Amino acid sequence: MTARVKASGQPTARPGLGARLAEATTGRQALGRLLHNRMALLGLIIIVVYVVLAAFPSILTQHDPNVQNLARTLEPPSAEYRLGTDEFGRDVLSRVLHGARLSFTIAGLAVILGGLSGFAIGLLAGYFGGAVDTVLMRLMDVLLAMPGILLAIAVIAALGAGIGNVIIAIGIYNIPQFARLTRSTVLGVKTQDFVLASRSIGSSAPEILVRHIIPNAWGAPFVFAMLRFSTAILTASGLSFLGLGVSPPTPEWGAMLAASRGYMRLAPHLVLAYGLAISTLVLGFNALGEGLRDVFDPRTAR
């Protein structure tokens, strides 16, 4: 890859994956590629449907998710209660939709926290190398040595249960994956001619990072973030299922799934509703992530 030089003498980079992603996102070509990718389109449709229903649950139900009606417990799906009622007579559909809102909030904030922290760590480790790289990557190895759910449980055990602590736990769990991906991308970008040319004319490290490294290194972590949304949703549900996440009566899918286990024979619609809600949204984010990777893969992008 050759560097191009402005009249001011400052070399400019030929667009890498991040730059191509930024340019293509504003053009018809990328939109067309995205809409013609069945996997990405399927995931996008699922996520949009969930977002709309989570934001406006009154479209499908007028029931309050926390109002109990003990006279109508464990009812099967009907015209009034489209997904039936739970053990306290609460509307299952309303609780599923409000649970989706909470899942989006937890997953979104956790991925942002883990993604930005991991990106910064990987950026520093990949660009500066040496002792900085060794120290930061060994810390990431320590985090990676623990299975993700166990790491999240350890953080919850130290901080306590609650929505905020769940977000922190899942965010910490995501940091090492983003850090390693970003580091590997930066290692490739910093050896390109335009970076070497910028360094040769005396550009400072912050200037090189801002002008050349970051624009060409953020694309892969962005696509990876879509895949981590599904993991964040599963982890949050798993923590609540174990009683370490969101506490009742807050409608959260994992907690509601755990509570419905004792009624699988009497009211199987409970397990099906909560289980399918988790599975479908996870499928949506996985499909969108895989589709975006295909659309913006540097070997196929034009």
Protein backbone atom coordinates (compact mmCIF):
# COMPACT_ATOMS: atom_id res chain seq x y z
CA MET A 1 0.00 0.00 0.00
CA THR A 2 1.45 3.35 -0.97
CA ALA A 3 1.01 6.61 0.87
CA ARG A 4 -0.50 9.68 -0.67
CA VAL A 5 0.78 13.09 0.37
CA LYS A 6 -1.24 16.27 0.69
CA ALA A 7 0.12 19.61 -0.42
CA SER A 8 0.93 20.31 3.22
CA GLY A 9 3.28 17.32 3.24
CA GLN A 10 1.07 15.25 5.55
CA PRO A 11 0.59 11.70 4.21
CA THR A 12 -2.94 10.40 4.05
CA ALA A 13 -4.03 6.81 4.33
CA ARG A 14 -5.70 4.79 1.68
CA PRO A 15 -8.90 3.65 3.36
CA GLY A 16 -8.72 0.45 5.35
CA LEU A 17 -11.67 -1.55 6.67
CA GLY A 18 -12.74 1.15 9.13
CA ALA A 19 -12.53 3.90 6.52
CA ARG A 20 -14.31 1.78 3.91
CA LEU A 21 -17.05 1.02 6.44
CA ALA A 22 -17.48 4.72 7.21
CA GLU A 23 -17.61 5.65 3.52
CA ALA A 24 -19.78 2.76 2.44
CA THR A 25 -22.31 3.28 5.21
CA THR A 26 -23.24 6.64 3.68
CA GLY A 27 -23.58 5.28 0.16
CA ARG A 28 -26.03 3.20 -1.77
CA GLN A 29 -23.53 0.44 -2.47
CA ALA A 30 -23.21 -0.69 1.16
CA LEU A 31 -26.95 -0.37 1.74
CA GLY A 32 -27.60 -2.50 -1.31
CA ARG A 33 -25.08 -5.10 -0.17
CA LEU A 34 -26.64 -5.15 3.26
CA LEU A 35 -30.19 -5.52 1.98
CA HIS A 36 -29.14 -8.27 -0.43
CA ASN A 37 -27.40 -10.23 2.32
CA ARG A 38 -30.11 -12.54 3.63
CA MET A 39 -28.35 -13.17 6.92
CA ALA A 40 -27.90 -9.47 7.71
CA LEU A 41 -31.42 -8.64 6.57
CA LEU A 42 -32.94 -11.36 8.75
CA GLY A 43 -31.04 -10.14 11.79
CA LEU A 44 -31.90 -6.51 11.09
CA ILE A 45 -35.62 -7.30 10.78
CA ILE A 46 -35.65 -9.25 14.05
CA ILE A 47 -33.82 -6.50 15.93
CA VAL A 48 -36.00 -3.71 14.51
CA VAL A 49 -39.17 -5.60 15.47
CA TYR A 50 -37.88 -6.10 19.01
CA VAL A 51 -36.82 -2.45 19.30
CA VAL A 52 -40.22 -1.17 18.14
CA LEU A 53 -42.16 -3.52 20.42
CA ALA A 54 -39.89 -2.82 23.39
CA ALA A 55 -40.27 0.93 22.88
CA PHE A 56 -44.03 0.75 22.31
CA PRO A 57 -45.37 -2.37 24.08
CA SER A 58 -48.90 -0.92 23.97
CA ILE A 59 -49.00 -1.95 20.31
CA LEU A 60 -49.68 -5.52 21.40
CA THR A 61 -50.85 -5.29 25.02
CA GLN A 62 -52.33 -2.75 27.42
CA HIS A 63 -51.54 -4.71 30.58
CA ASP A 64 -49.05 -3.50 33.16
CA PRO A 65 -46.19 -6.01 33.49
CA ASN A 66 -46.21 -5.89 37.30
CA VAL A 67 -49.95 -5.83 38.06
CA GLN A 68 -51.02 -9.10 39.68
CA ASN A 69 -54.39 -10.83 39.26
CA LEU A 70 -54.37 -13.90 41.50
CA ALA A 71 -57.77 -14.95 40.17
CA ARG A 72 -56.26 -15.59 36.73
CA THR A 73 -52.98 -17.34 37.39
CA LEU A 74 -51.28 -19.64 34.87
CA GLU A 75 -53.88 -19.09 32.16
CA PRO A 76 -52.97 -20.30 28.67
CA PRO A 77 -52.79 -17.86 25.75
CA SER A 78 -56.11 -16.23 24.94
CA ALA A 79 -57.55 -13.19 23.20
CA GLU A 80 -57.04 -11.05 26.32
CA TYR A 81 -53.70 -12.50 27.36
CA ARG A 82 -51.98 -13.39 24.09
CA LEU A 83 -49.15 -15.28 25.76
CA GLY A 84 -51.10 -16.28 28.85
CA THR A 85 -50.45 -15.29 32.46
CA ASP A 86 -47.78 -16.27 34.96
CA GLU A 87 -47.98 -17.64 38.51
CA PHE A 88 -49.15 -14.27 39.81
CA GLY A 89 -51.66 -13.57 37.05
CA ARG A 90 -49.42 -11.06 35.29
CA ASP A 91 -49.54 -10.67 31.52
CA VAL A 92 -46.68 -12.70 30.02
CA LEU A 93 -46.59 -10.74 26.76
CA SER A 94 -46.23 -7.44 28.62
CA ARG A 95 -43.42 -8.86 30.74
CA VAL A 96 -41.64 -10.23 27.67
CA LEU A 97 -41.74 -6.86 25.92
CA HIS A 98 -40.61 -4.90 28.97
CA GLY A 99 -37.92 -7.53 29.49
CA ALA A 100 -36.70 -6.85 25.96
CA ARG A 101 -36.30 -3.18 26.87
CA LEU A 102 -34.16 -4.13 29.86
CA SER A 103 -32.11 -6.61 27.82
CA PHE A 104 -31.35 -3.94 25.20
CA THR A 105 -30.29 -1.52 27.91
CA ILE A 106 -27.99 -3.97 29.70
CA ALA A 107 -26.46 -5.41 26.53
CA GLY A 108 -25.99 -2.01 24.90
CA LEU A 109 -24.27 -0.36 27.86
CA ALA A 110 -22.17 -3.45 28.58
CA VAL A 111 -20.92 -3.73 24.98
CA ILE A 112 -20.18 -0.01 24.85
CA LEU A 113 -18.26 -0.22 28.14
CA GLY A 114 -16.32 -3.32 27.14
CA GLY A 115 -15.84 -2.23 23.54
CA LEU A 116 -14.45 1.23 24.27
CA SER A 117 -12.22 -0.03 27.08
CA GLY A 118 -10.94 -2.96 25.02
CA PHE A 119 -10.42 -0.76 21.95
CA ALA A 120 -8.32 1.70 23.97
CA ILE A 121 -6.23 -1.09 25.50
CA GLY A 122 -5.69 -2.82 22.15
CA LEU A 123 -4.86 0.50 20.50
CA LEU A 124 -2.14 1.30 23.03
CA ALA A 125 -0.74 -2.23 23.10
CA GLY A 126 -0.64 -2.59 19.33
CA TYR A 127 0.84 0.82 18.54
CA PHE A 128 3.44 1.24 21.28
CA GLY A 129 4.40 -2.43 21.65
CA GLY A 130 7.28 -3.36 23.93
CA ALA A 131 6.64 -3.22 27.67
CA VAL A 132 3.26 -1.54 27.19
CA ASP A 133 2.10 -4.39 24.96
CA THR A 134 3.48 -7.05 27.31
CA VAL A 135 1.86 -5.65 30.46
CA LEU A 136 -1.54 -4.96 28.89
CA MET A 137 -1.77 -8.28 27.07
CA ARG A 138 -0.75 -10.26 30.14
CA LEU A 139 -3.59 -8.56 32.01
CA MET A 140 -5.93 -9.55 29.19
CA ASP A 141 -4.61 -13.12 29.40
CA VAL A 142 -5.55 -13.20 33.08
CA LEU A 143 -9.12 -12.20 32.21
CA LEU A 144 -9.27 -14.66 29.31
CA ALA A 145 -8.06 -17.48 31.56
CA MET A 146 -11.42 -17.45 33.32
CA PRO A 147 -14.56 -18.64 31.50
CA GLY A 148 -16.76 -15.65 30.71
CA ILE A 149 -19.70 -16.53 32.93
CA LEU A 150 -17.39 -17.33 35.86
CA LEU A 151 -15.65 -13.98 35.44
CA ALA A 152 -19.02 -12.22 35.44
CA ILE A 153 -20.09 -14.18 38.54
CA ALA A 154 -16.85 -13.20 40.30
CA VAL A 155 -17.45 -9.53 39.54
CA ILE A 156 -21.06 -9.76 40.75
CA ALA A 157 -19.89 -11.52 43.91
CA ALA A 158 -17.50 -8.64 44.59
CA LEU A 159 -19.87 -5.80 43.69
CA GLY A 160 -23.27 -7.28 44.53
CA ALA A 161 -26.39 -7.82 42.46
CA GLY A 162 -28.18 -5.08 40.55
CA ILE A 163 -28.56 -3.76 37.02
CA GLY A 164 -25.54 -1.46 37.24
CA ASN A 165 -23.26 -4.18 38.52
CA VAL A 166 -24.49 -6.61 35.87
CA ILE A 167 -23.54 -4.07 33.20
CA ILE A 168 -20.08 -3.65 34.75
CA ALA A 169 -19.59 -7.42 35.02
CA ILE A 170 -20.53 -8.07 31.40
CA GLY A 171 -18.49 -5.07 30.27
CA ILE A 172 -15.36 -6.42 31.99
CA TYR A 173 -16.05 -9.82 30.47
CA ASN A 174 -16.00 -8.22 26.97
CA ILE A 175 -12.81 -6.17 27.38
CA PRO A 176 -10.17 -8.83 26.52
CA GLN A 177 -11.87 -9.93 23.29
CA PHE A 178 -12.08 -6.35 22.01
CA ALA A 179 -8.52 -5.64 23.16
CA ARG A 180 -7.00 -8.61 21.30
CA LEU A 181 -8.99 -7.94 18.13
CA THR A 182 -8.03 -4.26 18.13
CA ARG A 183 -4.37 -5.04 18.85
CA SER A 184 -4.13 -7.44 15.91
CA THR A 185 -5.75 -4.87 13.61
CA VAL A 186 -3.43 -2.07 14.79
CA LEU A 187 -0.35 -4.26 14.31
CA GLY A 188 -1.28 -4.58 10.65
CA VAL A 189 -2.17 -0.92 10.13
CA LYS A 190 0.90 0.61 11.79
CA THR A 191 3.26 -1.09 9.32
CA GLN A 192 1.54 0.46 6.30
CA ASP A 193 3.46 2.99 4.23
CA PHE A 194 1.22 5.93 5.07
CA VAL A 195 1.87 5.43 8.81
CA LEU A 196 5.61 5.06 8.26
CA ALA A 197 5.63 8.19 6.10
CA SER A 198 3.74 10.14 8.74
CA ARG A 199 6.21 9.03 11.39
CA SER A 200 9.17 9.94 9.16
CA ILE A 201 8.06 13.58 8.85
CA GLY A 202 7.88 13.94 12.62
CA SER A 203 4.18 13.41 13.39
CA SER A 204 3.52 12.78 17.06
CA ALA A 205 2.07 9.52 18.35
CA PRO A 206 -1.33 11.08 19.24
CA GLU A 207 -1.55 12.63 15.77
CA ILE A 208 -0.76 9.33 14.05
CA LEU A 209 -3.26 7.50 16.23
CA VAL A 210 -6.06 9.98 15.55
CA ARG A 211 -5.38 10.60 11.86
CA HIS A 212 -4.32 7.17 10.65
CA ILE A 213 -4.60 4.28 13.11
CA ILE A 214 -8.08 4.76 14.57
CA PRO A 215 -9.87 5.44 11.22
CA ASN A 216 -8.40 2.21 9.83
CA ALA A 217 -8.77 0.05 12.93
CA TRP A 218 -12.30 0.59 14.24
CA GLY A 219 -14.21 -1.32 11.57
CA ALA A 220 -13.50 -4.85 12.78
CA PRO A 221 -14.32 -4.09 16.45
CA PHE A 222 -17.56 -2.43 15.34
CA VAL A 223 -18.69 -5.53 13.47
CA PHE A 224 -17.54 -7.69 16.38
CA ALA A 225 -19.70 -5.60 18.72
CA MET A 226 -22.83 -6.84 16.95
CA LEU A 227 -21.84 -10.40 17.79
CA ARG A 228 -21.06 -9.46 21.40
CA PHE A 229 -24.60 -8.13 21.84
CA SER A 230 -25.91 -11.68 21.71
CA THR A 231 -23.32 -12.85 24.23
CA ALA A 232 -24.18 -9.94 26.53
CA ILE A 233 -27.89 -10.83 26.39
CA LEU A 234 -27.17 -14.47 27.17
CA THR A 235 -24.81 -13.57 30.01
CA ALA A 236 -27.28 -11.13 31.57
CA SER A 237 -30.05 -13.72 31.34
CA GLY A 238 -27.75 -16.38 32.78
CA LEU A 239 -26.82 -14.23 35.76
CA SER A 240 -30.47 -13.46 36.48
CA PHE A 241 -31.36 -17.12 36.01
CA LEU A 242 -28.85 -17.94 38.75
CA GLY A 243 -30.26 -15.23 41.00
CA LEU A 244 -27.22 -12.95 40.62
CA GLY A 245 -28.63 -10.39 38.24
CA VAL A 246 -31.83 -8.37 38.19
CA SER A 247 -34.13 -9.04 41.12
CA PRO A 248 -37.90 -9.67 40.89
CA PRO A 249 -40.42 -8.23 40.24
CA THR A 250 -38.46 -6.42 37.51
CA PRO A 251 -39.31 -8.18 34.24
CA GLU A 252 -36.04 -9.76 33.11
CA TRP A 253 -35.97 -12.77 30.82
CA GLY A 254 -33.48 -14.90 32.75
CA ALA A 255 -35.18 -14.32 36.11
CA MET A 256 -38.62 -15.02 34.64
CA LEU A 257 -37.34 -18.18 32.96
CA ALA A 258 -35.95 -19.40 36.28
CA ALA A 259 -39.24 -18.70 38.05
CA SER A 260 -41.23 -20.57 35.38
CA ARG A 261 -39.28 -23.82 35.72
CA GLY A 262 -41.60 -25.07 38.45
CA TYR A 263 -44.63 -24.72 36.18
CA MET A 264 -43.40 -26.50 33.07
CA ARG A 265 -46.15 -29.12 33.21
CA LEU A 266 -48.97 -26.85 34.35
CA ALA A 267 -48.08 -23.88 32.14
CA PRO A 268 -45.49 -24.71 29.47
CA HIS A 269 -46.30 -21.45 27.70
CA LEU A 270 -44.20 -19.59 30.29
CA VAL A 271 -40.95 -21.39 29.49
CA LEU A 272 -41.66 -21.23 25.76
CA ALA A 273 -42.37 -17.49 25.82
CA TYR A 274 -39.25 -16.51 27.74
CA GLY A 275 -36.98 -19.05 26.08
CA LEU A 276 -38.06 -18.10 22.56
CA ALA A 277 -37.69 -14.41 23.37
CA ILE A 278 -34.05 -14.91 24.37
CA SER A 279 -33.29 -17.27 21.49
CA THR A 280 -34.86 -15.07 18.82
CA LEU A 281 -33.11 -11.87 19.85
CA VAL A 282 -29.76 -13.66 20.15
CA LEU A 283 -30.34 -15.11 16.67
CA GLY A 284 -31.04 -11.61 15.36
CA PHE A 285 -27.79 -10.12 16.63
CA ASN A 286 -25.76 -13.13 15.49
CA ALA A 287 -27.29 -12.97 12.03
CA LEU A 288 -26.70 -9.22 11.75
CA GLY A 289 -23.11 -9.55 12.94
CA GLU A 290 -22.34 -12.37 10.49
CA GLY A 291 -24.04 -10.46 7.70
CA LEU A 292 -22.12 -7.25 8.40
CA ARG A 293 -18.89 -9.19 8.40
CA ASP A 294 -19.71 -10.56 4.97
CA VAL A 295 -20.79 -7.17 3.63
CA PHE A 296 -17.73 -5.26 4.81
CA ASP A 297 -15.11 -8.00 4.57
CA PRO A 298 -12.07 -6.43 2.90
CA ARG A 299 -11.78 -9.41 0.56
CA THR A 300 -15.27 -8.79 -0.82
CA ALA A 301 -15.80 -5.05 -0.34
CA ARG A 302 -15.48 -3.04 -3.53
